[in-house]
Amino acid sequence: AARHGVRGVFFVVEPDRDALRSIAELVDNGRLRPVLDRVLPLTETRSGYEALETGKRRGKIVIHVAD
């Protein structure tokens, strides 16, 4: 990445079906309300990651991939 003048970001997500179902149920029942800072189109993903680094945000940043 450095050779090409870009920065790489690595992260791991381990899916957990039961946990996701529990979270979805909480959302559906109105007992859990996610706080969103902004929703960005896929083309603005970079600005989303940059916002994560500044720490100047309230809530989650969502990347909208497709309708």
PDB file of N, CA and C in Angstrom:
ATOM      1  N   ALA A   1       0.820  -1.185   0.000  1.00  0.00           N
ATOM      2  CA  ALA A   1       0.000   0.000   0.000  1.00  0.00           C
ATOM      3  C   ALA A   1       0.870   1.258   0.000  1.00  0.00           C
ATOM      4  N   ALA A   2       1.885   1.290   0.871  1.00  0.00           N
ATOM      5  CA  ALA A   2       2.732   2.483   0.974  1.00  0.00           C
ATOM      6  C   ALA A   2       3.430   2.775  -0.357  1.00  0.00           C
ATOM      7  N   ARG A   3       3.820   1.738  -1.060  1.00  0.00           N
ATOM      8  CA  ARG A   3       4.517   1.909  -2.341  1.00  0.00           C
ATOM      9  C   ARG A   3       3.616   2.622  -3.356  1.00  0.00           C
ATOM     10  N   HIS A   4       2.325   2.438  -3.216  1.00  0.00           N
ATOM     11  CA  HIS A   4       1.370   3.060  -4.133  1.00  0.00           C
ATOM     12  C   HIS A   4       0.760   4.338  -3.583  1.00  0.00           C
ATOM     13  N   GLY A   5       1.251   4.780  -2.436  1.00  0.00           N
ATOM     14  CA  GLY A   5       0.765   6.019  -1.845  1.00  0.00           C
ATOM     15  C   GLY A   5      -0.618   5.920  -1.234  1.00  0.00           C
ATOM     16  N   VAL A   6      -0.994   4.713  -0.815  1.00  0.00           N
ATOM     17  CA  VAL A   6      -2.286   4.524  -0.159  1.00  0.00           C
ATOM     18  C   VAL A   6      -2.084   3.825   1.171  1.00  0.00           C
ATOM     19  N   ARG A   7      -3.113   3.836   1.979  1.00  0.00           N
ATOM     20  CA  ARG A   7      -3.055   3.207   3.287  1.00  0.00           C
ATOM     21  C   ARG A   7      -4.037   2.042   3.297  1.00  0.00           C
ATOM     22  N   GLY A   8      -3.597   0.900   3.758  1.00  0.00           N
ATOM     23  CA  GLY A   8      -4.470  -0.264   3.873  1.00  0.00           C
ATOM     24  C   GLY A   8      -5.027  -0.382   5.281  1.00  0.00           C
ATOM     25  N   VAL A   9      -6.258  -0.848   5.382  1.00  0.00           N
ATOM     26  CA  VAL A   9      -6.912  -1.057   6.670  1.00  0.00           C
ATOM     27  C   VAL A   9      -7.367  -2.500   6.735  1.00  0.00           C
ATOM     28  N   PHE A  10      -7.017  -3.188   7.810  1.00  0.00           N
ATOM     29  CA  PHE A  10      -7.395  -4.583   7.975  1.00  0.00           C
ATOM     30  C   PHE A  10      -8.300  -4.725   9.182  1.00  0.00           C
ATOM     31  N   PHE A  11      -9.382  -5.448   9.020  1.00  0.00           N
ATOM     32  CA  PHE A  11     -10.231  -5.735  10.164  1.00  0.00           C
ATOM     33  C   PHE A  11     -10.897  -7.081   9.946  1.00  0.00           C
ATOM     34  N   VAL A  12     -11.297  -7.706  11.029  1.00  0.00           N
ATOM     35  CA  VAL A  12     -11.901  -9.028  10.975  1.00  0.00           C
ATOM     36  C   VAL A  12     -13.296  -8.960  11.576  1.00  0.00           C
ATOM     37  N   VAL A  13     -14.239  -9.551  10.887  1.00  0.00           N
ATOM     38  CA  VAL A  13     -15.597  -9.647  11.398  1.00  0.00           C
ATOM     39  C   VAL A  13     -15.933 -11.125  11.489  1.00  0.00           C
ATOM     40  N   GLU A  14     -16.338 -11.548  12.658  1.00  0.00           N
ATOM     41  CA  GLU A  14     -16.732 -12.936  12.837  1.00  0.00           C
ATOM     42  C   GLU A  14     -18.247 -12.993  12.991  1.00  0.00           C
ATOM     43  N   PRO A  15     -18.946 -13.547  11.998  1.00  0.00           N
ATOM     44  CA  PRO A  15     -20.406 -13.589  12.069  1.00  0.00           C
ATOM     45  C   PRO A  15     -20.899 -14.496  13.188  1.00  0.00           C
ATOM     46  N   ASP A  16     -21.972 -14.071  13.814  1.00  0.00           N
ATOM     47  CA  ASP A  16     -22.584 -14.847  14.887  1.00  0.00           C
ATOM     48  C   ASP A  16     -24.095 -14.745  14.698  1.00  0.00           C
ATOM     49  N   ARG A  17     -24.688 -15.753  14.092  1.00  0.00           N
ATOM     50  CA  ARG A  17     -26.102 -15.724  13.733  1.00  0.00           C
ATOM     51  C   ARG A  17     -27.001 -15.447  14.933  1.00  0.00           C
ATOM     52  N   ASP A  18     -26.757 -16.129  16.046  1.00  0.00           N
ATOM     53  CA  ASP A  18     -27.608 -15.941  17.225  1.00  0.00           C
ATOM     54  C   ASP A  18     -27.534 -14.513  17.759  1.00  0.00           C
ATOM     55  N   ALA A  19     -26.322 -13.961  17.799  1.00  0.00           N
ATOM     56  CA  ALA A  19     -26.166 -12.591  18.288  1.00  0.00           C
ATOM     57  C   ALA A  19     -26.865 -11.601  17.356  1.00  0.00           C
ATOM     58  N   LEU A  20     -26.738 -11.807  16.051  1.00  0.00           N
ATOM     59  CA  LEU A  20     -27.392 -10.906  15.101  1.00  0.00           C
ATOM     60  C   LEU A  20     -28.913 -11.002  15.206  1.00  0.00           C
ATOM     61  N   ARG A  21     -29.433 -12.188  15.414  1.00  0.00           N
ATOM     62  CA  ARG A  21     -30.877 -12.340  15.599  1.00  0.00           C
ATOM     63  C   ARG A  21     -31.341 -11.617  16.861  1.00  0.00           C
ATOM     64  N   SER A  22     -30.573 -11.733  17.932  1.00  0.00           N
ATOM     65  CA  SER A  22     -30.931 -11.056  19.179  1.00  0.00           C
ATOM     66  C   SER A  22     -30.934  -9.543  19.009  1.00  0.00           C
ATOM     67  N   ILE A  23     -29.931  -9.040  18.309  1.00  0.00           N
ATOM     68  CA  ILE A  23     -29.846  -7.597  18.066  1.00  0.00           C
ATOM     69  C   ILE A  23     -31.016  -7.148  17.190  1.00  0.00           C
ATOM     70  N   ALA A  24     -31.327  -7.912  16.140  1.00  0.00           N
ATOM     71  CA  ALA A  24     -32.441  -7.561  15.263  1.00  0.00           C
ATOM     72  C   ALA A  24     -33.754  -7.532  16.030  1.00  0.00           C
ATOM     73  N   GLU A  25     -33.931  -8.454  16.947  1.00  0.00           N
ATOM     74  CA  GLU A  25     -35.153  -8.489  17.752  1.00  0.00           C
ATOM     75  C   GLU A  25     -35.257  -7.251  18.636  1.00  0.00           C
ATOM     76  N   LEU A  26     -34.144  -6.847  19.230  1.00  0.00           N
ATOM     77  CA  LEU A  26     -34.133  -5.635  20.056  1.00  0.00           C
ATOM     78  C   LEU A  26     -34.491  -4.400  19.226  1.00  0.00           C
ATOM     79  N   VAL A  27     -33.948  -4.324  18.015  1.00  0.00           N
ATOM     80  CA  VAL A  27     -34.251  -3.196  17.126  1.00  0.00           C
ATOM     81  C   VAL A  27     -35.726  -3.230  16.737  1.00  0.00           C
ATOM     82  N   ASP A  28     -36.197  -4.400  16.332  1.00  0.00           N
ATOM     83  CA  ASP A  28     -37.603  -4.534  15.919  1.00  0.00           C
ATOM     84  C   ASP A  28     -38.572  -4.159  17.038  1.00  0.00           C
ATOM     85  N   ASN A  29     -38.207  -4.462  18.274  1.00  0.00           N
ATOM     86  CA  ASN A  29     -39.063  -4.170  19.425  1.00  0.00           C
ATOM     87  C   ASN A  29     -38.887  -2.743  19.947  1.00  0.00           C
ATOM     88  N   GLY A  30     -37.996  -1.990  19.324  1.00  0.00           N
ATOM     89  CA  GLY A  30     -37.769  -0.619  19.749  1.00  0.00           C
ATOM     90  C   GLY A  30     -36.954  -0.491  21.026  1.00  0.00           C
ATOM     91  N   ARG A  31     -36.338  -1.568  21.465  1.00  0.00           N
ATOM     92  CA  ARG A  31     -35.546  -1.524  22.695  1.00  0.00           C
ATOM     93  C   ARG A  31     -34.087  -1.138  22.439  1.00  0.00           C
ATOM     94  N   LEU A  32     -33.701  -1.140  21.175  1.00  0.00           N
ATOM     95  CA  LEU A  32     -32.341  -0.748  20.795  1.00  0.00           C
ATOM     96  C   LEU A  32     -32.459   0.170  19.584  1.00  0.00           C
ATOM     97  N   ARG A  33     -31.933   1.366  19.733  1.00  0.00           N
ATOM     98  CA  ARG A  33     -31.990   2.328  18.647  1.00  0.00           C
ATOM     99  C   ARG A  33     -30.580   2.773  18.311  1.00  0.00           C
ATOM    100  N   PRO A  34     -30.067   2.357  17.169  1.00  0.00           N
ATOM    101  CA  PRO A  34     -28.705   2.754  16.811  1.00  0.00           C
ATOM    102  C   PRO A  34     -28.633   4.258  16.561  1.00  0.00           C
ATOM    103  N   VAL A  35     -27.524   4.845  16.929  1.00  0.00           N
ATOM    104  CA  VAL A  35     -27.293   6.271  16.701  1.00  0.00           C
ATOM    105  C   VAL A  35     -26.403   6.394  15.464  1.00  0.00           C
ATOM    106  N   LEU A  36     -26.917   7.099  14.466  1.00  0.00           N
ATOM    107  CA  LEU A  36     -26.171   7.272  13.224  1.00  0.00           C
ATOM    108  C   LEU A  36     -25.612   8.682  13.137  1.00  0.00           C
ATOM    109  N   ASP A  37     -24.358   8.754  12.768  1.00  0.00           N
ATOM    110  CA  ASP A  37     -23.747  10.053  12.502  1.00  0.00           C
ATOM    111  C   ASP A  37     -24.081  10.480  11.078  1.00  0.00           C
ATOM    112  N   ARG A  38     -23.908   9.556  10.147  1.00  0.00           N
ATOM    113  CA  ARG A  38     -24.195   9.858   8.742  1.00  0.00           C
ATOM    114  C   ARG A  38     -24.304   8.569   7.940  1.00  0.00           C
ATOM    115  N   VAL A  39     -24.974   8.674   6.815  1.00  0.00           N
ATOM    116  CA  VAL A  39     -25.075   7.582   5.856  1.00  0.00           C
ATOM    117  C   VAL A  39     -24.447   8.083   4.564  1.00  0.00           C
ATOM    118  N   LEU A  40     -23.449   7.361   4.088  1.00  0.00           N
ATOM    119  CA  LEU A  40     -22.714   7.787   2.899  1.00  0.00           C
ATOM    120  C   LEU A  40     -22.882   6.777   1.775  1.00  0.00           C
ATOM    121  N   PRO A  41     -22.901   7.252   0.522  1.00  0.00           N
ATOM    122  CA  PRO A  41     -22.923   6.304  -0.586  1.00  0.00           C
ATOM    123  C   PRO A  41     -21.566   5.611  -0.689  1.00  0.00           C
ATOM    124  N   LEU A  42     -21.553   4.469  -1.335  1.00  0.00           N
ATOM    125  CA  LEU A  42     -20.327   3.687  -1.477  1.00  0.00           C
ATOM    126  C   LEU A  42     -19.182   4.518  -2.050  1.00  0.00           C
ATOM    127  N   THR A  43     -19.496   5.440  -2.931  1.00  0.00           N
ATOM    128  CA  THR A  43     -18.463   6.268  -3.558  1.00  0.00           C
ATOM    129  C   THR A  43     -17.763   7.199  -2.572  1.00  0.00           C
ATOM    130  N   GLU A  44     -18.350   7.402  -1.383  1.00  0.00           N
ATOM    131  CA  GLU A  44     -17.745   8.288  -0.380  1.00  0.00           C
ATOM    132  C   GLU A  44     -17.191   7.517   0.818  1.00  0.00           C
ATOM    133  N   THR A  45     -16.882   6.241   0.604  1.00  0.00           N
ATOM    134  CA  THR A  45     -16.358   5.401   1.680  1.00  0.00           C
ATOM    135  C   THR A  45     -15.104   6.008   2.309  1.00  0.00           C
ATOM    136  N   ARG A  46     -14.252   6.548   1.488  1.00  0.00           N
ATOM    137  CA  ARG A  46     -13.012   7.135   2.008  1.00  0.00           C
ATOM    138  C   ARG A  46     -13.291   8.220   3.048  1.00  0.00           C
ATOM    139  N   SER A  47     -14.228   9.100   2.766  1.00  0.00           N
ATOM    140  CA  SER A  47     -14.519  10.168   3.726  1.00  0.00           C
ATOM    141  C   SER A  47     -15.094   9.592   5.017  1.00  0.00           C
ATOM    142  N   GLY A  48     -15.789   8.469   4.923  1.00  0.00           N
ATOM    143  CA  GLY A  48     -16.283   7.797   6.124  1.00  0.00           C
ATOM    144  C   GLY A  48     -15.151   7.309   6.998  1.00  0.00           C
ATOM    145  N   TYR A  49     -14.149   6.672   6.379  1.00  0.00           N
ATOM    146  CA  TYR A  49     -12.994   6.201   7.146  1.00  0.00           C
ATOM    147  C   TYR A  49     -12.213   7.379   7.722  1.00  0.00           C
ATOM    148  N   GLU A  50     -12.092   8.448   6.975  1.00  0.00           N
ATOM    149  CA  GLU A  50     -11.395   9.629   7.485  1.00  0.00           C
ATOM    150  C   GLU A  50     -12.120  10.203   8.699  1.00  0.00           C
ATOM    151  N   ALA A  51     -13.439  10.187   8.681  1.00  0.00           N
ATOM    152  CA  ALA A  51     -14.215  10.678   9.824  1.00  0.00           C
ATOM    153  C   ALA A  51     -13.996   9.804  11.045  1.00  0.00           C
ATOM    154  N   LEU A  52     -13.797   8.504  10.838  1.00  0.00           N
ATOM    155  CA  LEU A  52     -13.522   7.612  11.964  1.00  0.00           C
ATOM    156  C   LEU A  52     -12.223   7.994  12.671  1.00  0.00           C
ATOM    157  N   GLU A  53     -11.246   8.416  11.899  1.00  0.00           N
ATOM    158  CA  GLU A  53      -9.942   8.750  12.469  1.00  0.00           C
ATOM    159  C   GLU A  53      -9.955  10.064  13.241  1.00  0.00           C
ATOM    160  N   THR A  54     -10.827  10.975  12.894  1.00  0.00           N
ATOM    161  CA  THR A  54     -10.830  12.270  13.570  1.00  0.00           C
ATOM    162  C   THR A  54     -11.467  12.181  14.950  1.00  0.00           C
ATOM    163  N   GLY A  55     -12.373  11.219  15.130  1.00  0.00           N
ATOM    164  CA  GLY A  55     -13.067  11.112  16.409  1.00  0.00           C
ATOM    165  C   GLY A  55     -14.155  12.143  16.588  1.00  0.00           C
ATOM    166  N   LYS A  56     -14.368  12.987  15.576  1.00  0.00           N
ATOM    167  CA  LYS A  56     -15.381  14.040  15.666  1.00  0.00           C
ATOM    168  C   LYS A  56     -16.672  13.560  15.007  1.00  0.00           C
ATOM    169  N   ARG A  57     -17.347  12.662  15.687  1.00  0.00           N
ATOM    170  CA  ARG A  57     -18.601  12.140  15.167  1.00  0.00           C
ATOM    171  C   ARG A  57     -19.464  11.692  16.325  1.00  0.00           C
ATOM    172  N   ARG A  58     -20.756  11.608  16.076  1.00  0.00           N
ATOM    173  CA  ARG A  58     -21.703  11.086  17.051  1.00  0.00           C
ATOM    174  C   ARG A  58     -22.410   9.911  16.408  1.00  0.00           C
ATOM    175  N   GLY A  59     -22.134   8.739  16.830  1.00  0.00           N
ATOM    176  CA  GLY A  59     -22.805   7.572  16.295  1.00  0.00           C
ATOM    177  C   GLY A  59     -22.013   6.884  15.201  1.00  0.00           C
ATOM    178  N   LYS A  60     -22.699   5.974  14.562  1.00  0.00           N
ATOM    179  CA  LYS A  60     -22.071   5.135  13.552  1.00  0.00           C
ATOM    180  C   LYS A  60     -22.107   5.801  12.185  1.00  0.00           C
ATOM    181  N   ILE A  61     -21.137   5.428  11.369  1.00  0.00           N
ATOM    182  CA  ILE A  61     -21.105   5.861   9.993  1.00  0.00           C
ATOM    183  C   ILE A  61     -21.493   4.658   9.146  1.00  0.00           C
ATOM    184  N   VAL A  62     -22.518   4.826   8.326  1.00  0.00           N
ATOM    185  CA  VAL A  62     -23.051   3.732   7.512  1.00  0.00           C
ATOM    186  C   VAL A  62     -22.691   3.976   6.060  1.00  0.00           C
ATOM    187  N   ILE A  63     -22.198   2.930   5.398  1.00  0.00           N
ATOM    188  CA  ILE A  63     -21.929   2.980   3.977  1.00  0.00           C
ATOM    189  C   ILE A  63     -23.093   2.318   3.261  1.00  0.00           C
ATOM    190  N   HIS A  64     -23.807   3.102   2.457  1.00  0.00           N
ATOM    191  CA  HIS A  64     -24.971   2.592   1.718  1.00  0.00           C
ATOM    192  C   HIS A  64     -24.457   2.007   0.410  1.00  0.00           C
ATOM    193  N   VAL A  65     -24.576   0.680   0.269  1.00  0.00           N
ATOM    194  CA  VAL A  65     -24.017  -0.012  -0.890  1.00  0.00           C
ATOM    195  C   VAL A  65     -24.983  -0.018  -2.070  1.00  0.00           C
ATOM    196  N   ALA A  66     -26.222  -0.388  -1.844  1.00  0.00           N
ATOM    197  CA  ALA A  66     -27.192  -0.461  -2.947  1.00  0.00           C
ATOM    198  C   ALA A  66     -28.606  -0.437  -2.381  1.00  0.00           C
ATOM    199  N   ASP A  67     -29.558  -0.088  -3.213  1.00  0.00           N
ATOM    200  CA  ASP A  67     -30.963  -0.107  -2.820  1.00  0.00           C
ATOM    201  C   ASP A  67     -31.498  -1.524  -2.846  1.00  0.00           C
TER     202      ASP A  67
END
